[in-house]
Structure formats: C-alpha cells, structure tokens
C-alpha cells in the first residue's frame, strides 16, 4: 500500500516549507515594489527641484550681467 510516514510527516512538512518560502518571496516583492515607487517619487521631485534651480541660475546670471554693464 502507500507509505504512511511520507503522507503523515514528510508531505505536510514539504507543503509548509514551500508555502512559507512562497509567502516570504511574495512579501519581499511587495516591499521592493513599494521602495521602487518611493524612489520614482524622489526622482520626480529632484527633477522639479533641478528645474527650479535652473530658473534661479538664469535669473542670477541675468542680474550679474546687468550689474556689470
């Protein structure tokens, strides 16, 4: 007949191990997605700051040029 210790002991252990690894991997992937979204937000914000600083740099250059004329 069937090997009883395998179905009573080993198979439940294997199922538990596989489901635990799957859950841990799924949670890690969700965390990486959250971090990626946050990094994208930071990059977008830095782009806006760079744009503002470029505008200020042009204004300063214009004022310095007008001052020395």
C-alpha atoms as a PDB file:
ATOM      1  CA  UNK A   1       0.000   0.000   0.000  1.00  0.00           C
ATOM      2  CA  UNK A   2       1.061   3.611   0.391  1.00  0.00           C
ATOM      3  CA  UNK A   3       3.998   4.584   2.527  1.00  0.00           C
ATOM      4  CA  UNK A   4       2.201   6.150   5.514  1.00  0.00           C
ATOM      5  CA  UNK A   5       5.123   8.081   7.116  1.00  0.00           C
ATOM      6  CA  UNK A   6       5.612  10.033   3.907  1.00  0.00           C
ATOM      7  CA  UNK A   7       1.975  11.198   3.809  1.00  0.00           C
ATOM      8  CA  UNK A   8       1.727  11.786   7.561  1.00  0.00           C
ATOM      9  CA  UNK A   9       5.046  13.507   8.241  1.00  0.00           C
ATOM     10  CA  UNK A  10       7.105  14.411   5.201  1.00  0.00           C
ATOM     11  CA  UNK A  11       4.427  15.737   2.854  1.00  0.00           C
ATOM     12  CA  UNK A  12       2.937  18.209   5.393  1.00  0.00           C
ATOM     13  CA  UNK A  13       6.469  19.438   6.167  1.00  0.00           C
ATOM     14  CA  UNK A  14       7.233  19.950   2.481  1.00  0.00           C
ATOM     15  CA  UNK A  15       3.931  21.783   1.928  1.00  0.00           C
ATOM     16  CA  UNK A  16       4.588  24.013   4.947  1.00  0.00           C
ATOM     17  CA  UNK A  17       8.122  24.795   3.798  1.00  0.00           C
ATOM     18  CA  UNK A  18       7.077  25.600   0.231  1.00  0.00           C
ATOM     19  CA  UNK A  19       4.174  27.792   1.315  1.00  0.00           C
ATOM     20  CA  UNK A  20       6.400  29.668   3.784  1.00  0.00           C
ATOM     21  CA  UNK A  21       9.033  30.321   1.131  1.00  0.00           C
ATOM     22  CA  UNK A  22       6.338  31.430  -1.318  1.00  0.00           C
ATOM     23  CA  UNK A  23       4.808  33.829   1.237  1.00  0.00           C
ATOM     24  CA  UNK A  24       8.200  35.291   2.135  1.00  0.00           C
ATOM     25  CA  UNK A  25       9.058  35.813  -1.532  1.00  0.00           C
ATOM     26  CA  UNK A  26       5.692  37.450  -2.207  1.00  0.00           C
ATOM     27  CA  UNK A  27       6.104  39.812   0.758  1.00  0.00           C
ATOM     28  CA  UNK A  28       9.637  40.724  -0.332  1.00  0.00           C
ATOM     29  CA  UNK A  29       8.423  41.512  -3.862  1.00  0.00           C
ATOM     30  CA  UNK A  30       5.670  43.760  -2.489  1.00  0.00           C
ATOM     31  CA  UNK A  31       8.251  45.598  -0.382  1.00  0.00           C
ATOM     32  CA  UNK A  32      10.526  46.061  -3.411  1.00  0.00           C
ATOM     33  CA  UNK A  33       7.596  47.477  -5.399  1.00  0.00           C
ATOM     34  CA  UNK A  34       6.888  49.986  -2.604  1.00  0.00           C
ATOM     35  CA  UNK A  35      10.542  51.023  -2.463  1.00  0.00           C
ATOM     36  CA  UNK A  36      10.654  51.379  -6.252  1.00  0.00           C
ATOM     37  CA  UNK A  37       7.593  53.648  -6.202  1.00  0.00           C
ATOM     38  CA  UNK A  38       9.121  55.787  -3.470  1.00  0.00           C
ATOM     39  CA  UNK A  39      12.367  56.089  -5.428  1.00  0.00           C
ATOM     40  CA  UNK A  40      10.414  57.126  -8.533  1.00  0.00           C
ATOM     41  CA  UNK A  41       8.687  59.825  -6.474  1.00  0.00           C
ATOM     42  CA  UNK A  42      12.047  61.058  -5.175  1.00  0.00           C
ATOM     43  CA  UNK A  43      13.494  61.184  -8.697  1.00  0.00           C
ATOM     44  CA  UNK A  44      10.484  63.180  -9.929  1.00  0.00           C
ATOM     45  CA  UNK A  45      10.822  65.600  -7.020  1.00  0.00           C
ATOM     46  CA  UNK A  46      14.546  66.045  -7.649  1.00  0.00           C
ATOM     47  CA  UNK A  47      13.751  66.798 -11.301  1.00  0.00           C
ATOM     48  CA  UNK A  48      11.363  69.563 -10.257  1.00  0.00           C
ATOM     49  CA  UNK A  49      13.943  70.981  -7.831  1.00  0.00           C
ATOM     50  CA  UNK A  50      16.598  70.912 -10.569  1.00  0.00           C
ATOM     51  CA  UNK A  51      14.252  72.798 -12.879  1.00  0.00           C
ATOM     52  CA  UNK A  52      13.634  75.460 -10.236  1.00  0.00           C
ATOM     53  CA  UNK A  53      17.353  75.794  -9.564  1.00  0.00           C
ATOM     54  CA  UNK A  54      17.976  76.194 -13.302  1.00  0.00           C
ATOM     55  CA  UNK A  55      15.470  79.063 -13.378  1.00  0.00           C
ATOM     56  CA  UNK A  56      17.187  80.707 -10.408  1.00  0.00           C
ATOM     57  CA  UNK A  57      20.599  80.242 -12.003  1.00  0.00           C
ATOM     58  CA  UNK A  58      19.418  82.015 -15.176  1.00  0.00           C
ATOM     59  CA  UNK A  59      17.974  84.876 -13.124  1.00  0.00           C
ATOM     60  CA  UNK A  60      21.202  85.270 -11.155  1.00  0.00           C
ATOM     61  CA  UNK A  61      23.250  85.245 -14.347  1.00  0.00           C
ATOM     62  CA  UNK A  62      20.971  87.904 -15.850  1.00  0.00           C
ATOM     63  CA  UNK A  63      21.277  90.087 -12.739  1.00  0.00           C
ATOM     64  CA  UNK A  64      25.058  89.713 -12.651  1.00  0.00           C
ATOM     65  CA  UNK A  65      25.291  90.609 -16.325  1.00  0.00           C
ATOM     66  CA  UNK A  66      23.083  93.686 -15.824  1.00  0.00           C
ATOM     67  CA  UNK A  67      25.120  94.729 -12.771  1.00  0.00           C
ATOM     68  CA  UNK A  68      28.430  94.748 -14.683  1.00  0.00           C
ATOM     69  CA  UNK A  69      27.145  96.658 -17.712  1.00  0.00           C
END
